PDB file of all heavy atoms in Angstrom:
ATOM      1  N   GLN A   1      71.706  93.129  64.218  1.00  0.00           N
ATOM      2  CA  GLN A   1      71.010  92.817  65.468  1.00  0.00           C
ATOM      3  C   GLN A   1      70.150  93.977  65.964  1.00  0.00           C
ATOM      4  O   GLN A   1      69.369  93.820  66.890  1.00  0.00           O
ATOM      5  CB  GLN A   1      72.035  92.434  66.540  1.00  0.00           C
ATOM      6  CG  GLN A   1      72.815  91.177  66.216  1.00  0.00           C
ATOM      7  CD  GLN A   1      73.876  90.860  67.249  1.00  0.00           C
ATOM      8  OE1 GLN A   1      73.923  91.472  68.315  1.00  0.00           O
ATOM      9  NE2 GLN A   1      74.738  89.912  66.947  1.00  0.00           N
ATOM     10  N   VAL A   2      70.287  95.150  65.325  1.00  0.00           N
ATOM     11  CA  VAL A   2      69.617  96.333  65.855  1.00  0.00           C
ATOM     12  C   VAL A   2      68.174  96.535  65.383  1.00  0.00           C
ATOM     13  O   VAL A   2      67.393  97.170  66.106  1.00  0.00           O
ATOM     14  CB  VAL A   2      70.464  97.593  65.571  1.00  0.00           C
ATOM     15  CG1 VAL A   2      70.193  98.154  64.184  1.00  0.00           C
ATOM     16  CG2 VAL A   2      70.232  98.652  66.622  1.00  0.00           C
ATOM     17  N   PRO A   3      67.732  96.059  64.199  1.00  0.00           N
ATOM     18  CA  PRO A   3      66.360  96.350  63.762  1.00  0.00           C
ATOM     19  C   PRO A   3      65.287  95.928  64.768  1.00  0.00           C
ATOM     20  O   PRO A   3      64.311  96.665  64.987  1.00  0.00           O
ATOM     21  CB  PRO A   3      66.237  95.573  62.447  1.00  0.00           C
ATOM     22  CG  PRO A   3      67.621  95.586  61.900  1.00  0.00           C
ATOM     23  CD  PRO A   3      68.497  95.407  63.107  1.00  0.00           C
ATOM     24  N   ASN A   4      65.436  94.777  65.407  1.00  0.00           N
ATOM     25  CA  ASN A   4      64.449  94.354  66.397  1.00  0.00           C
ATOM     26  C   ASN A   4      64.418  95.304  67.594  1.00  0.00           C
ATOM     27  O   ASN A   4      63.350  95.616  68.129  1.00  0.00           O
ATOM     28  CB  ASN A   4      64.750  92.934  66.877  1.00  0.00           C
ATOM     29  CG  ASN A   4      64.311  91.876  65.891  1.00  0.00           C
ATOM     30  OD1 ASN A   4      64.142  92.153  64.705  1.00  0.00           O
ATOM     31  ND2 ASN A   4      64.151  90.653  66.344  1.00  0.00           N
ATOM     32  N   LYS A   5      65.578  95.771  68.015  1.00  0.00           N
ATOM     33  CA  LYS A   5      65.636  96.714  69.131  1.00  0.00           C
ATOM     34  C   LYS A   5      64.996  98.043  68.745  1.00  0.00           C
ATOM     35  O   LYS A   5      64.274  98.656  69.542  1.00  0.00           O
ATOM     36  CB  LYS A   5      67.087  96.920  69.559  1.00  0.00           C
ATOM     37  CG  LYS A   5      67.757  95.666  70.097  1.00  0.00           C
ATOM     38  CD  LYS A   5      69.223  95.905  70.410  1.00  0.00           C
ATOM     39  CE  LYS A   5      69.897  94.626  70.877  1.00  0.00           C
ATOM     40  NZ  LYS A   5      71.346  94.826  71.141  1.00  0.00           N
ATOM     41  N   VAL A   6      65.255  98.477  67.511  1.00  0.00           N
ATOM     42  CA  VAL A   6      64.675  99.726  67.021  1.00  0.00           C
ATOM     43  C   VAL A   6      63.156  99.619  66.975  1.00  0.00           C
ATOM     44  O   VAL A   6      62.439 100.529  67.423  1.00  0.00           O
ATOM     45  CB  VAL A   6      65.237 100.069  65.627  1.00  0.00           C
ATOM     46  CG1 VAL A   6      64.447 101.203  64.984  1.00  0.00           C
ATOM     47  CG2 VAL A   6      66.710 100.459  65.733  1.00  0.00           C
ATOM     48  N   PHE A   7      62.657  98.512  66.451  1.00  0.00           N
ATOM     49  CA  PHE A   7      61.204  98.328  66.397  1.00  0.00           C
ATOM     50  C   PHE A   7      60.618  98.258  67.799  1.00  0.00           C
ATOM     51  O   PHE A   7      59.557  98.838  68.073  1.00  0.00           O
ATOM     52  CB  PHE A   7      60.843  97.058  65.628  1.00  0.00           C
ATOM     53  CG  PHE A   7      59.376  96.736  65.674  1.00  0.00           C
ATOM     54  CD1 PHE A   7      58.485  97.363  64.820  1.00  0.00           C
ATOM     55  CD2 PHE A   7      58.872  95.823  66.596  1.00  0.00           C
ATOM     56  CE1 PHE A   7      57.121  97.085  64.871  1.00  0.00           C
ATOM     57  CE2 PHE A   7      57.516  95.536  66.661  1.00  0.00           C
ATOM     58  CZ  PHE A   7      56.639  96.172  65.793  1.00  0.00           C
ATOM     59  N   GLY A   8      61.277  97.534  68.693  1.00  0.00           N
ATOM     60  CA  GLY A   8      60.779  97.398  70.059  1.00  0.00           C
ATOM     61  C   GLY A   8      60.636  98.736  70.758  1.00  0.00           C
ATOM     62  O   GLY A   8      59.673  98.960  71.503  1.00  0.00           O
ATOM     63  N   GLU A   9      61.582  99.637  70.523  1.00  0.00           N
ATOM     64  CA  GLU A   9      61.486 100.982  71.103  1.00  0.00           C
ATOM     65  C   GLU A   9      60.386 101.789  70.436  1.00  0.00           C
ATOM     66  O   GLU A   9      59.619 102.486  71.097  1.00  0.00           O
ATOM     67  CB  GLU A   9      62.827 101.712  70.944  1.00  0.00           C
ATOM     68  CG  GLU A   9      63.949 101.150  71.793  1.00  0.00           C
ATOM     69  CD  GLU A   9      65.264 101.882  71.564  1.00  0.00           C
ATOM     70  OE1 GLU A   9      65.313 102.737  70.652  1.00  0.00           O
ATOM     71  OE2 GLU A   9      66.240 101.603  72.291  1.00  0.00           O
ATOM     72  N   TRP A  10      60.311 101.687  69.097  1.00  0.00           N
ATOM     73  CA  TRP A  10      59.358 102.485  68.329  1.00  0.00           C
ATOM     74  C   TRP A  10      57.911 102.096  68.626  1.00  0.00           C
ATOM     75  O   TRP A  10      57.054 102.957  68.805  1.00  0.00           O
ATOM     76  CB  TRP A  10      59.648 102.325  66.836  1.00  0.00           C
ATOM     77  CG  TRP A  10      58.664 103.002  65.935  1.00  0.00           C
ATOM     78  CD1 TRP A  10      58.668 104.310  65.542  1.00  0.00           C
ATOM     79  CD2 TRP A  10      57.520 102.404  65.310  1.00  0.00           C
ATOM     80  NE1 TRP A  10      57.595 104.564  64.707  1.00  0.00           N
ATOM     81  CE2 TRP A  10      56.879 103.407  64.551  1.00  0.00           C
ATOM     82  CE3 TRP A  10      56.984 101.118  65.318  1.00  0.00           C
ATOM     83  CZ2 TRP A  10      55.726 103.156  63.812  1.00  0.00           C
ATOM     84  CZ3 TRP A  10      55.841 100.861  64.579  1.00  0.00           C
ATOM     85  CH2 TRP A  10      55.215 101.880  63.837  1.00  0.00           C
ATOM     86  N   VAL A  11      57.633 100.805  68.699  1.00  0.00           N
ATOM     87  CA  VAL A  11      56.240 100.358  68.801  1.00  0.00           C
ATOM     88  C   VAL A  11      55.601 100.796  70.115  1.00  0.00           C
ATOM     89  O   VAL A  11      54.385 101.021  70.187  1.00  0.00           O
ATOM     90  CB  VAL A  11      56.142  98.826  68.611  1.00  0.00           C
ATOM     91  CG1 VAL A  11      56.640  98.068  69.846  1.00  0.00           C
ATOM     92  CG2 VAL A  11      54.708  98.414  68.277  1.00  0.00           C
ATOM     93  N   LYS A  12      56.397 100.948  71.158  1.00  0.00           N
ATOM     94  CA  LYS A  12      55.851 101.356  72.453  1.00  0.00           C
ATOM     95  C   LYS A  12      55.361 102.795  72.445  1.00  0.00           C
ATOM     96  O   LYS A  12      54.480 103.163  73.226  1.00  0.00           O
ATOM     97  CB  LYS A  12      56.917 101.180  73.542  1.00  0.00           C
ATOM     98  CG  LYS A  12      57.298  99.729  73.796  1.00  0.00           C
ATOM     99  CD  LYS A  12      58.459  99.633  74.773  1.00  0.00           C
ATOM    100  CE  LYS A  12      58.899  98.189  74.958  1.00  0.00           C
ATOM    101  NZ  LYS A  12      60.071  98.085  75.857  1.00  0.00           N
ATOM    102  N   ASN A  13      55.937 103.601  71.557  1.00  0.00           N
ATOM    103  CA  ASN A  13      55.566 105.015  71.494  1.00  0.00           C
ATOM    104  C   ASN A  13      54.742 105.363  70.266  1.00  0.00           C
ATOM    105  O   ASN A  13      54.360 106.512  70.067  1.00  0.00           O
ATOM    106  CB  ASN A  13      56.839 105.878  71.499  1.00  0.00           C
ATOM    107  CG  ASN A  13      57.661 105.678  72.749  1.00  0.00           C
ATOM    108  OD1 ASN A  13      57.123 105.722  73.855  1.00  0.00           O
ATOM    109  ND2 ASN A  13      58.948 105.442  72.595  1.00  0.00           N
ATOM    110  N   SER A  14      54.469 104.377  69.439  1.00  0.00           N
ATOM    111  CA  SER A  14      53.721 104.612  68.203  1.00  0.00           C
ATOM    112  C   SER A  14      52.234 104.427  68.447  1.00  0.00           C
ATOM    113  O   SER A  14      51.815 103.705  69.359  1.00  0.00           O
ATOM    114  CB  SER A  14      54.194 103.645  67.117  1.00  0.00           C
ATOM    115  OG  SER A  14      53.329 103.674  66.009  1.00  0.00           O
ATOM    116  N   SER A  15      51.431 105.049  67.596  1.00  0.00           N
ATOM    117  CA  SER A  15      49.976 104.894  67.695  1.00  0.00           C
ATOM    118  C   SER A  15      49.447 103.849  66.729  1.00  0.00           C
ATOM    119  O   SER A  15      48.237 103.686  66.595  1.00  0.00           O
ATOM    120  CB  SER A  15      49.296 106.240  67.410  1.00  0.00           C
ATOM    121  OG  SER A  15      49.611 106.688  66.100  1.00  0.00           O
ATOM    122  N   ILE A  16      50.349 103.106  66.069  1.00  0.00           N
ATOM    123  CA  ILE A  16      49.899 102.129  65.086  1.00  0.00           C
ATOM    124  C   ILE A  16      49.123 101.003  65.754  1.00  0.00           C
ATOM    125  O   ILE A  16      48.178 100.456  65.190  1.00  0.00           O
ATOM    126  CB  ILE A  16      51.093 101.581  64.273  1.00  0.00           C
ATOM    127  CG1 ILE A  16      50.573 100.791  63.065  1.00  0.00           C
ATOM    128  CG2 ILE A  16      52.039 100.757  65.127  1.00  0.00           C
ATOM    129  CD1 ILE A  16      51.628 100.477  62.038  1.00  0.00           C
ATOM    130  N   PHE A  17      49.500 100.641  66.982  1.00  0.00           N
ATOM    131  CA  PHE A  17      48.748  99.666  67.776  1.00  0.00           C
ATOM    132  C   PHE A  17      48.309 100.361  69.062  1.00  0.00           C
ATOM    133  O   PHE A  17      49.153 100.777  69.858  1.00  0.00           O
ATOM    134  CB  PHE A  17      49.604  98.443  68.117  1.00  0.00           C
ATOM    135  CG  PHE A  17      50.184  97.745  66.927  1.00  0.00           C
ATOM    136  CD1 PHE A  17      51.553  97.563  66.819  1.00  0.00           C
ATOM    137  CD2 PHE A  17      49.370  97.267  65.917  1.00  0.00           C
ATOM    138  CE1 PHE A  17      52.101  96.917  65.721  1.00  0.00           C
ATOM    139  CE2 PHE A  17      49.906  96.627  64.812  1.00  0.00           C
ATOM    140  CZ  PHE A  17      51.266  96.445  64.707  1.00  0.00           C
ATOM    141  N   GLU A  18      47.029 100.482  69.254  1.00  0.00           N
ATOM    142  CA  GLU A  18      46.519 101.180  70.428  1.00  0.00           C
ATOM    143  C   GLU A  18      46.270 100.215  71.580  1.00  0.00           C
ATOM    144  O   GLU A  18      45.873  99.075  71.381  1.00  0.00           O
ATOM    145  CB  GLU A  18      45.226 101.921  70.075  1.00  0.00           C
ATOM    146  CG  GLU A  18      45.429 103.035  69.047  1.00  0.00           C
ATOM    147  CD  GLU A  18      44.149 103.787  68.757  1.00  0.00           C
ATOM    148  OE1 GLU A  18      43.101 103.378  69.278  1.00  0.00           O
ATOM    149  OE2 GLU A  18      44.205 104.789  68.014  1.00  0.00           O
ATOM    150  N   ASN A  19      46.517 100.713  72.789  1.00  0.00           N
ATOM    151  CA  ASN A  19      46.266  99.939  74.009  1.00  0.00           C
ATOM    152  C   ASN A  19      46.996  98.603  74.005  1.00  0.00           C
ATOM    153  O   ASN A  19      46.388  97.541  74.191  1.00  0.00           O
ATOM    154  CB  ASN A  19      44.762  99.719  74.199  1.00  0.00           C
ATOM    155  CG  ASN A  19      43.995 101.023  74.290  1.00  0.00           C
ATOM    156  OD1 ASN A  19      44.439 101.969  74.922  1.00  0.00           O
ATOM    157  ND2 ASN A  19      42.843 101.069  73.633  1.00  0.00           N
ATOM    158  N   ILE A  20      48.295  98.659  73.807  1.00  0.00           N
ATOM    159  CA  ILE A  20      49.084  97.426  73.810  1.00  0.00           C
ATOM    160  C   ILE A  20      49.098  96.835  75.220  1.00  0.00           C
ATOM    161  O   ILE A  20      49.452  97.493  76.193  1.00  0.00           O
ATOM    162  CB  ILE A  20      50.527  97.707  73.344  1.00  0.00           C
ATOM    163  CG1 ILE A  20      50.528  98.175  71.889  1.00  0.00           C
ATOM    164  CG2 ILE A  20      51.386  96.453  73.490  1.00  0.00           C
ATOM    165  CD1 ILE A  20      51.911  98.560  71.371  1.00  0.00           C
ATOM    166  N   LYS A  21      48.703  95.579  75.299  1.00  0.00           N
ATOM    167  CA  LYS A  21      48.643  94.897  76.595  1.00  0.00           C
ATOM    168  C   LYS A  21      49.796  93.918  76.779  1.00  0.00           C
ATOM    169  O   LYS A  21      50.143  93.562  77.900  1.00  0.00           O
ATOM    170  CB  LYS A  21      47.317  94.155  76.712  1.00  0.00           C
ATOM    171  CG  LYS A  21      46.084  95.049  76.591  1.00  0.00           C
ATOM    172  CD  LYS A  21      44.810  94.222  76.564  1.00  0.00           C
ATOM    173  CE  LYS A  21      43.576  95.096  76.365  1.00  0.00           C
ATOM    174  NZ  LYS A  21      42.332  94.285  76.241  1.00  0.00           N
ATOM    175  N   LEU A  22      50.344  93.453  75.651  1.00  0.00           N
ATOM    176  CA  LEU A  22      51.375  92.419  75.729  1.00  0.00           C
ATOM    177  C   LEU A  22      52.337  92.556  74.551  1.00  0.00           C
ATOM    178  O   LEU A  22      51.902  92.754  73.415  1.00  0.00           O
ATOM    179  CB  LEU A  22      50.729  91.021  75.692  1.00  0.00           C
ATOM    180  CG  LEU A  22      51.675  89.818  75.658  1.00  0.00           C
ATOM    181  CD1 LEU A  22      52.432  89.688  76.976  1.00  0.00           C
ATOM    182  CD2 LEU A  22      50.898  88.532  75.365  1.00  0.00           C
ATOM    183  N   ILE A  23      53.630  92.477  74.852  1.00  0.00           N
ATOM    184  CA  ILE A  23      54.656  92.404  73.806  1.00  0.00           C
ATOM    185  C   ILE A  23      55.597  91.260  74.171  1.00  0.00           C
ATOM    186  O   ILE A  23      56.228  91.260  75.224  1.00  0.00           O
ATOM    187  CB  ILE A  23      55.471  93.710  73.698  1.00  0.00           C
ATOM    188  CG1 ILE A  23      54.571  94.900  73.355  1.00  0.00           C
ATOM    189  CG2 ILE A  23      56.562  93.555  72.640  1.00  0.00           C
ATOM    190  CD1 ILE A  23      55.317  96.231  73.299  1.00  0.00           C
ATOM    191  N   LYS A  24      55.670  90.272  73.287  1.00  0.00           N
ATOM    192  CA  LYS A  24      56.568  89.142  73.494  1.00  0.00           C
ATOM    193  C   LYS A  24      57.514  89.044  72.305  1.00  0.00           C
ATOM    194  O   LYS A  24      57.114  89.290  71.167  1.00  0.00           O
ATOM    195  CB  LYS A  24      55.786  87.829  73.631  1.00  0.00           C
ATOM    196  CG  LYS A  24      54.957  87.732  74.889  1.00  0.00           C
ATOM    197  CD  LYS A  24      54.200  86.412  74.948  1.00  0.00           C
ATOM    198  CE  LYS A  24      55.118  85.220  75.111  1.00  0.00           C
ATOM    199  NZ  LYS A  24      54.363  83.947  75.250  1.00  0.00           N
ATOM    200  N   THR A  25      58.746  88.690  72.566  1.00  0.00           N
ATOM    201  CA  THR A  25      59.717  88.508  71.492  1.00  0.00           C
ATOM    202  C   THR A  25      59.931  87.022  71.217  1.00  0.00           C
ATOM    203  O   THR A  25      59.664  86.172  72.081  1.00  0.00           O
ATOM    204  CB  THR A  25      61.067  89.155  71.853  1.00  0.00           C
ATOM    205  OG1 THR A  25      61.563  88.555  73.058  1.00  0.00           O
ATOM    206  CG2 THR A  25      60.909  90.648  72.061  1.00  0.00           C
ATOM    207  N   GLU A  26      60.387  86.738  70.001  1.00  0.00           N
ATOM    208  CA  GLU A  26      60.715  85.359  69.611  1.00  0.00           C
ATOM    209  C   GLU A  26      59.562  84.400  69.901  1.00  0.00           C
ATOM    210  O   GLU A  26      59.716  83.413  70.623  1.00  0.00           O
ATOM    211  CB  GLU A  26      61.990  84.894  70.331  1.00  0.00           C
ATOM    212  CG  GLU A  26      63.226  85.693  69.967  1.00  0.00           C
ATOM    213  CD  GLU A  26      63.629  85.507  68.515  1.00  0.00           C
ATOM    214  OE1 GLU A  26      63.548  84.370  68.019  1.00  0.00           O
ATOM    215  OE2 GLU A  26      63.997  86.511  67.878  1.00  0.00           O
ATOM    216  N   GLN A  27      58.417  84.696  69.308  1.00  0.00           N
ATOM    217  CA  GLN A  27      57.213  83.901  69.558  1.00  0.00           C
ATOM    218  C   GLN A  27      57.079  82.798  68.507  1.00  0.00           C
ATOM    219  O   GLN A  27      57.048  83.049  67.311  1.00  0.00           O
ATOM    220  CB  GLN A  27      55.974  84.793  69.523  1.00  0.00           C
ATOM    221  CG  GLN A  27      54.671  84.056  69.775  1.00  0.00           C
ATOM    222  CD  GLN A  27      54.587  83.463  71.176  1.00  0.00           C
ATOM    223  OE1 GLN A  27      55.095  84.034  72.132  1.00  0.00           O
ATOM    224  NE2 GLN A  27      53.956  82.310  71.301  1.00  0.00           N
ATOM    225  N   LYS A  28      56.969  81.561  68.969  1.00  0.00           N
ATOM    226  CA  LYS A  28      56.860  80.426  68.054  1.00  0.00           C
ATOM    227  C   LYS A  28      55.441  80.321  67.489  1.00  0.00           C
ATOM    228  O   LYS A  28      54.467  80.503  68.199  1.00  0.00           O
ATOM    229  CB  LYS A  28      57.233  79.132  68.786  1.00  0.00           C
ATOM    230  CG  LYS A  28      57.386  77.925  67.871  1.00  0.00           C
ATOM    231  CD  LYS A  28      57.949  76.754  68.629  1.00  0.00           C
ATOM    232  CE  LYS A  28      58.099  75.488  67.824  1.00  0.00           C
ATOM    233  NZ  LYS A  28      57.797  75.506  66.425  1.00  0.00           N
ATOM    234  N   TYR A  29      55.355  80.012  66.191  1.00  0.00           N
ATOM    235  CA  TYR A  29      54.080  79.767  65.529  1.00  0.00           C
ATOM    236  C   TYR A  29      54.324  78.737  64.430  1.00  0.00           C
ATOM    237  O   TYR A  29      55.115  78.976  63.515  1.00  0.00           O
ATOM    238  CB  TYR A  29      53.507  81.048  64.928  1.00  0.00           C
ATOM    239  CG  TYR A  29      52.247  80.826  64.103  1.00  0.00           C
ATOM    240  CD1 TYR A  29      51.003  80.713  64.726  1.00  0.00           C
ATOM    241  CD2 TYR A  29      52.314  80.700  62.728  1.00  0.00           C
ATOM    242  CE1 TYR A  29      49.858  80.490  63.982  1.00  0.00           C
ATOM    243  CE2 TYR A  29      51.169  80.478  61.973  1.00  0.00           C
ATOM    244  CZ  TYR A  29      49.950  80.369  62.609  1.00  0.00           C
ATOM    245  OH  TYR A  29      48.813  80.136  61.857  1.00  0.00           O
ATOM    246  N   LYS A  30      53.666  77.578  64.552  1.00  0.00           N
ATOM    247  CA  LYS A  30      53.877  76.466  63.621  1.00  0.00           C
ATOM    248  C   LYS A  30      55.370  76.188  63.482  1.00  0.00           C
ATOM    249  O   LYS A  30      56.036  75.905  64.460  1.00  0.00           O
ATOM    250  CB  LYS A  30      53.196  76.749  62.283  1.00  0.00           C
ATOM    251  CG  LYS A  30      51.668  76.860  62.386  1.00  0.00           C
ATOM    252  CD  LYS A  30      51.022  76.931  61.032  1.00  0.00           C
ATOM    253  CE  LYS A  30      49.511  77.102  61.148  1.00  0.00           C
ATOM    254  NZ  LYS A  30      48.841  75.960  61.783  1.00  0.00           N
ATOM    255  N   ASN A  31      55.924  76.336  62.276  1.00  0.00           N
ATOM    256  CA  ASN A  31      57.338  76.026  62.063  1.00  0.00           C
ATOM    257  C   ASN A  31      58.229  77.261  62.059  1.00  0.00           C
ATOM    258  O   ASN A  31      59.397  77.186  61.672  1.00  0.00           O
ATOM    259  CB  ASN A  31      57.511  75.275  60.735  1.00  0.00           C
ATOM    260  CG  ASN A  31      56.816  73.919  60.755  1.00  0.00           C
ATOM    261  OD1 ASN A  31      56.932  73.183  61.727  1.00  0.00           O
ATOM    262  ND2 ASN A  31      56.089  73.601  59.702  1.00  0.00           N
ATOM    263  N   SER A  32      57.675  78.400  62.452  1.00  0.00           N
ATOM    264  CA  SER A  32      58.449  79.637  62.469  1.00  0.00           C
ATOM    265  C   SER A  32      58.547  80.195  63.884  1.00  0.00           C
ATOM    266  O   SER A  32      57.781  79.830  64.772  1.00  0.00           O
ATOM    267  CB  SER A  32      57.806  80.692  61.554  1.00  0.00           C
ATOM    268  OG  SER A  32      58.030  80.396  60.196  1.00  0.00           O
ATOM    269  N   ARG A  33      59.493  81.083  64.053  1.00  0.00           N
ATOM    270  CA  ARG A  33      59.618  81.840  65.293  1.00  0.00           C
ATOM    271  C   ARG A  33      59.647  83.313  64.887  1.00  0.00           C
ATOM    272  O   ARG A  33      60.652  83.798  64.387  1.00  0.00           O
ATOM    273  CB  ARG A  33      60.868  81.439  66.059  1.00  0.00           C
ATOM    274  CG  ARG A  33      60.951  82.041  67.460  1.00  0.00           C
ATOM    275  CD  ARG A  33      62.200  81.556  68.178  1.00  0.00           C
ATOM    276  NE  ARG A  33      62.176  80.130  68.403  1.00  0.00           N
ATOM    277  CZ  ARG A  33      61.588  79.529  69.434  1.00  0.00           C
ATOM    278  NH1 ARG A  33      60.977  80.258  70.349  1.00  0.00           N
ATOM    279  NH2 ARG A  33      61.617  78.227  69.562  1.00  0.00           N
ATOM    280  N   PHE A  34      58.518  83.995  65.084  1.00  0.00           N
ATOM    281  CA  PHE A  34      58.422  85.388  64.655  1.00  0.00           C
ATOM    282  C   PHE A  34      59.054  86.307  65.694  1.00  0.00           C
ATOM    283  O   PHE A  34      59.124  85.995  66.878  1.00  0.00           O
ATOM    284  CB  PHE A  34      56.956  85.769  64.427  1.00  0.00           C
ATOM    285  CG  PHE A  34      56.327  85.025  63.283  1.00  0.00           C
ATOM    286  CD1 PHE A  34      55.179  84.279  63.471  1.00  0.00           C
ATOM    287  CD2 PHE A  34      56.885  85.062  62.018  1.00  0.00           C
ATOM    288  CE1 PHE A  34      54.595  83.590  62.422  1.00  0.00           C
ATOM    289  CE2 PHE A  34      56.309  84.386  60.959  1.00  0.00           C
ATOM    290  CZ  PHE A  34      55.163  83.637  61.162  1.00  0.00           C
TER     291      PHE A  34
END
């Protein structure tokens, strides 16, 4: 259960995505929930 929490903490402080405006968890797309 921890990898998602680890990523959620990391992405907020990482420069891989600049100017993050929105972070949503468990987002549905077609037949998947990413």
